[in-house]
Amino acid sequence: MTTLVVLTVIAIALLIAGLAVYLFWAGTLLNRIAGNLEDSADLVRAIGRNAAPIVPGVEHINETGGVVAGALPLLYGMAEQIVADVTPRPEAPEVPEPARPASGTRRSRLLDAVGFASRP
């Protein structure tokens, strides 16, 4: 019975030692992450301080961009009208050609798969 008690105590001691090693490793990783986050927070604050003088100019640029974006449909329509007025158009044929697919004639391979050969 004493052997079983000794092995149980050893198993528990190994489990506690393993958990201590794991907690030490996790603590080291968390300390490193905390340091990186602190450095990142300092960088973000520095970017905010550097961007503060630029904000009024950016707001003015955004307002101007909104005005230009609002005028784009009108400008686009005017440009299309100008292009349509000056583009020469070929005369339409008296007899219109039938509509054909742009890719040409399609050939199905399904009939080849079943052994049917079309006549040339």
C-alpha atoms as a PDB file:
ATOM      1  CA  MET A   1       0.000   0.000   0.000  1.00  0.00           C
ATOM      2  CA  THR A   2       2.870   2.380   0.654  1.00  0.00           C
ATOM      3  CA  THR A   3       4.105   2.028  -2.929  1.00  0.00           C
ATOM      4  CA  LEU A   4       0.747   3.223  -4.240  1.00  0.00           C
ATOM      5  CA  VAL A   5       0.796   6.229  -1.890  1.00  0.00           C
ATOM      6  CA  VAL A   6       4.345   7.132  -2.921  1.00  0.00           C
ATOM      7  CA  LEU A   7       3.483   6.884  -6.648  1.00  0.00           C
ATOM      8  CA  THR A   8       0.381   9.028  -6.108  1.00  0.00           C
ATOM      9  CA  VAL A   9       2.419  11.697  -4.327  1.00  0.00           C
ATOM     10  CA  ILE A  10       5.006  11.635  -7.146  1.00  0.00           C
ATOM     11  CA  ALA A  11       2.265  11.921  -9.808  1.00  0.00           C
ATOM     12  CA  ILE A  12       0.703  14.870  -7.983  1.00  0.00           C
ATOM     13  CA  ALA A  13       4.111  16.542  -7.599  1.00  0.00           C
ATOM     14  CA  LEU A  14       4.795  16.092 -11.333  1.00  0.00           C
ATOM     15  CA  LEU A  15       1.373  17.522 -12.178  1.00  0.00           C
ATOM     16  CA  ILE A  16       1.996  20.570  -9.965  1.00  0.00           C
ATOM     17  CA  ALA A  17       5.468  21.036 -11.483  1.00  0.00           C
ATOM     18  CA  GLY A  18       4.032  20.812 -15.006  1.00  0.00           C
ATOM     19  CA  LEU A  19       1.353  23.352 -14.180  1.00  0.00           C
ATOM     20  CA  ALA A  20       3.978  25.675 -12.649  1.00  0.00           C
ATOM     21  CA  VAL A  21       6.094  25.482 -15.828  1.00  0.00           C
ATOM     22  CA  TYR A  22       3.032  26.149 -17.975  1.00  0.00           C
ATOM     23  CA  LEU A  23       1.964  29.131 -15.864  1.00  0.00           C
ATOM     24  CA  PHE A  24       5.493  30.553 -15.996  1.00  0.00           C
ATOM     25  CA  TRP A  25       5.530  30.197 -19.791  1.00  0.00           C
ATOM     26  CA  ALA A  26       2.050  31.756 -20.158  1.00  0.00           C
ATOM     27  CA  GLY A  27       3.044  34.631 -17.840  1.00  0.00           C
ATOM     28  CA  THR A  28       6.161  35.307 -19.901  1.00  0.00           C
ATOM     29  CA  LEU A  29       4.098  35.434 -23.108  1.00  0.00           C
ATOM     30  CA  LEU A  30       1.513  37.716 -21.530  1.00  0.00           C
ATOM     31  CA  ASN A  31       4.228  40.087 -20.260  1.00  0.00           C
ATOM     32  CA  ARG A  32       5.721  40.270 -23.755  1.00  0.00           C
ATOM     33  CA  ILE A  33       2.279  40.939 -25.274  1.00  0.00           C
ATOM     34  CA  ALA A  34       1.613  43.646 -22.678  1.00  0.00           C
ATOM     35  CA  GLY A  35       4.893  45.347 -23.581  1.00  0.00           C
ATOM     36  CA  ASN A  36       4.063  45.240 -27.293  1.00  0.00           C
ATOM     37  CA  LEU A  37       0.600  46.670 -26.644  1.00  0.00           C
ATOM     38  CA  GLU A  38       2.074  49.486 -24.575  1.00  0.00           C
ATOM     39  CA  ASP A  39       4.485  50.346 -27.401  1.00  0.00           C
ATOM     40  CA  SER A  40       1.600  50.222 -29.888  1.00  0.00           C
ATOM     41  CA  ALA A  41      -0.495  52.545 -27.705  1.00  0.00           C
ATOM     42  CA  ASP A  42       2.384  55.027 -27.609  1.00  0.00           C
ATOM     43  CA  LEU A  43       2.648  54.902 -31.404  1.00  0.00           C
ATOM     44  CA  VAL A  44      -1.098  55.475 -31.804  1.00  0.00           C
ATOM     45  CA  ARG A  45      -0.945  58.481 -29.474  1.00  0.00           C
ATOM     46  CA  ALA A  46       1.992  59.892 -31.476  1.00  0.00           C
ATOM     47  CA  ILE A  47       0.075  59.435 -34.731  1.00  0.00           C
ATOM     48  CA  GLY A  48      -2.912  61.231 -33.192  1.00  0.00           C
ATOM     49  CA  ARG A  49      -0.718  64.157 -32.116  1.00  0.00           C
ATOM     50  CA  ASN A  50       0.886  64.364 -35.577  1.00  0.00           C
ATOM     51  CA  ALA A  51      -2.473  64.173 -37.373  1.00  0.00           C
ATOM     52  CA  ALA A  52      -4.192  66.845 -35.243  1.00  0.00           C
ATOM     53  CA  PRO A  53      -2.992  69.804 -37.388  1.00  0.00           C
ATOM     54  CA  ILE A  54      -4.055  68.031 -40.594  1.00  0.00           C
ATOM     55  CA  VAL A  55      -7.691  67.379 -39.586  1.00  0.00           C
ATOM     56  CA  PRO A  56      -9.128  70.798 -40.650  1.00  0.00           C
ATOM     57  CA  GLY A  57      -7.520  70.457 -44.084  1.00  0.00           C
ATOM     58  CA  VAL A  58      -8.894  66.944 -44.500  1.00  0.00           C
ATOM     59  CA  GLU A  59     -12.396  68.150 -43.613  1.00  0.00           C
ATOM     60  CA  HIS A  60     -12.102  70.850 -46.289  1.00  0.00           C
ATOM     61  CA  ILE A  61     -10.878  68.264 -48.823  1.00  0.00           C
ATOM     62  CA  ASN A  62     -13.813  65.979 -47.967  1.00  0.00           C
ATOM     63  CA  GLU A  63     -16.298  68.829 -48.458  1.00  0.00           C
ATOM     64  CA  THR A  64     -14.757  69.694 -51.822  1.00  0.00           C
ATOM     65  CA  GLY A  65     -14.774  66.025 -52.823  1.00  0.00           C
ATOM     66  CA  GLY A  66     -18.466  65.826 -51.927  1.00  0.00           C
ATOM     67  CA  VAL A  67     -19.226  68.765 -54.211  1.00  0.00           C
ATOM     68  CA  VAL A  68     -17.253  67.203 -57.057  1.00  0.00           C
ATOM     69  CA  ALA A  69     -18.890  63.808 -56.502  1.00  0.00           C
ATOM     70  CA  GLY A  70     -22.310  65.467 -56.629  1.00  0.00           C
ATOM     71  CA  ALA A  71     -21.458  67.103 -59.960  1.00  0.00           C
ATOM     72  CA  LEU A  72     -20.081  63.938 -61.581  1.00  0.00           C
ATOM     73  CA  PRO A  73     -23.405  62.584 -62.926  1.00  0.00           C
ATOM     74  CA  LEU A  74     -24.113  65.924 -64.602  1.00  0.00           C
ATOM     75  CA  LEU A  75     -20.598  66.117 -66.047  1.00  0.00           C
ATOM     76  CA  TYR A  76     -20.791  62.516 -67.198  1.00  0.00           C
ATOM     77  CA  GLY A  77     -24.103  63.133 -68.961  1.00  0.00           C
ATOM     78  CA  MET A  78     -22.752  66.238 -70.657  1.00  0.00           C
ATOM     79  CA  ALA A  79     -19.635  64.361 -71.811  1.00  0.00           C
ATOM     80  CA  GLU A  80     -21.746  61.530 -73.247  1.00  0.00           C
ATOM     81  CA  GLN A  81     -23.875  64.029 -75.134  1.00  0.00           C
ATOM     82  CA  ILE A  82     -20.788  65.745 -76.554  1.00  0.00           C
ATOM     83  CA  VAL A  83     -19.298  62.420 -77.664  1.00  0.00           C
ATOM     84  CA  ALA A  84     -22.601  61.283 -79.189  1.00  0.00           C
ATOM     85  CA  ASP A  85     -22.931  64.549 -81.124  1.00  0.00           C
ATOM     86  CA  VAL A  86     -19.445  64.447 -82.670  1.00  0.00           C
ATOM     87  CA  THR A  87     -19.086  60.700 -83.307  1.00  0.00           C
ATOM     88  CA  PRO A  88     -19.787  59.794 -86.934  1.00  0.00           C
ATOM     89  CA  ARG A  89     -22.220  56.941 -87.313  1.00  0.00           C
ATOM     90  CA  PRO A  90     -22.120  54.524 -90.248  1.00  0.00           C
ATOM     91  CA  GLU A  91     -25.249  54.345 -92.326  1.00  0.00           C
ATOM     92  CA  ALA A  92     -27.513  51.475 -91.379  1.00  0.00           C
ATOM     93  CA  PRO A  93     -27.916  48.784 -94.068  1.00  0.00           C
ATOM     94  CA  GLU A  94     -31.313  48.472 -95.700  1.00  0.00           C
ATOM     95  CA  VAL A  95     -31.549  44.803 -94.746  1.00  0.00           C
ATOM     96  CA  PRO A  96     -30.261  44.234 -91.219  1.00  0.00           C
ATOM     97  CA  GLU A  97     -27.977  41.264 -90.632  1.00  0.00           C
ATOM     98  CA  PRO A  98     -29.297  38.446 -88.430  1.00  0.00           C
ATOM     99  CA  ALA A  99     -28.008  38.347 -84.882  1.00  0.00           C
ATOM    100  CA  ARG A 100     -25.102  35.939 -84.377  1.00  0.00           C
ATOM    101  CA  PRO A 101     -23.348  34.951 -81.177  1.00  0.00           C
ATOM    102  CA  ALA A 102     -19.997  36.664 -80.670  1.00  0.00           C
ATOM    103  CA  SER A 103     -18.257  33.366 -80.020  1.00  0.00           C
ATOM    104  CA  GLY A 104     -19.307  31.824 -83.318  1.00  0.00           C
ATOM    105  CA  THR A 105     -21.118  28.544 -83.812  1.00  0.00           C
ATOM    106  CA  ARG A 106     -21.091  26.219 -80.833  1.00  0.00           C
ATOM    107  CA  ARG A 107     -20.559  22.501 -81.213  1.00  0.00           C
ATOM    108  CA  SER A 108     -21.809  20.113 -78.603  1.00  0.00           C
ATOM    109  CA  ARG A 109     -19.522  17.255 -77.636  1.00  0.00           C
ATOM    110  CA  LEU A 110     -22.351  15.327 -76.057  1.00  0.00           C
ATOM    111  CA  LEU A 111     -23.095  13.515 -79.317  1.00  0.00           C
ATOM    112  CA  ASP A 112     -19.422  12.542 -79.680  1.00  0.00           C
ATOM    113  CA  ALA A 113     -19.529  11.007 -76.202  1.00  0.00           C
ATOM    114  CA  VAL A 114     -22.331   8.618 -77.139  1.00  0.00           C
ATOM    115  CA  GLY A 115     -20.753   7.641 -80.450  1.00  0.00           C
ATOM    116  CA  PHE A 116     -22.968   9.658 -82.801  1.00  0.00           C
ATOM    117  CA  ALA A 117     -21.118  11.110 -85.768  1.00  0.00           C
ATOM    118  CA  SER A 118     -22.788  13.947 -87.625  1.00  0.00           C
ATOM    119  CA  ARG A 119     -22.754  13.930 -91.433  1.00  0.00           C
ATOM    120  CA  PRO A 120     -20.341  16.396 -93.036  1.00  0.00           C
END
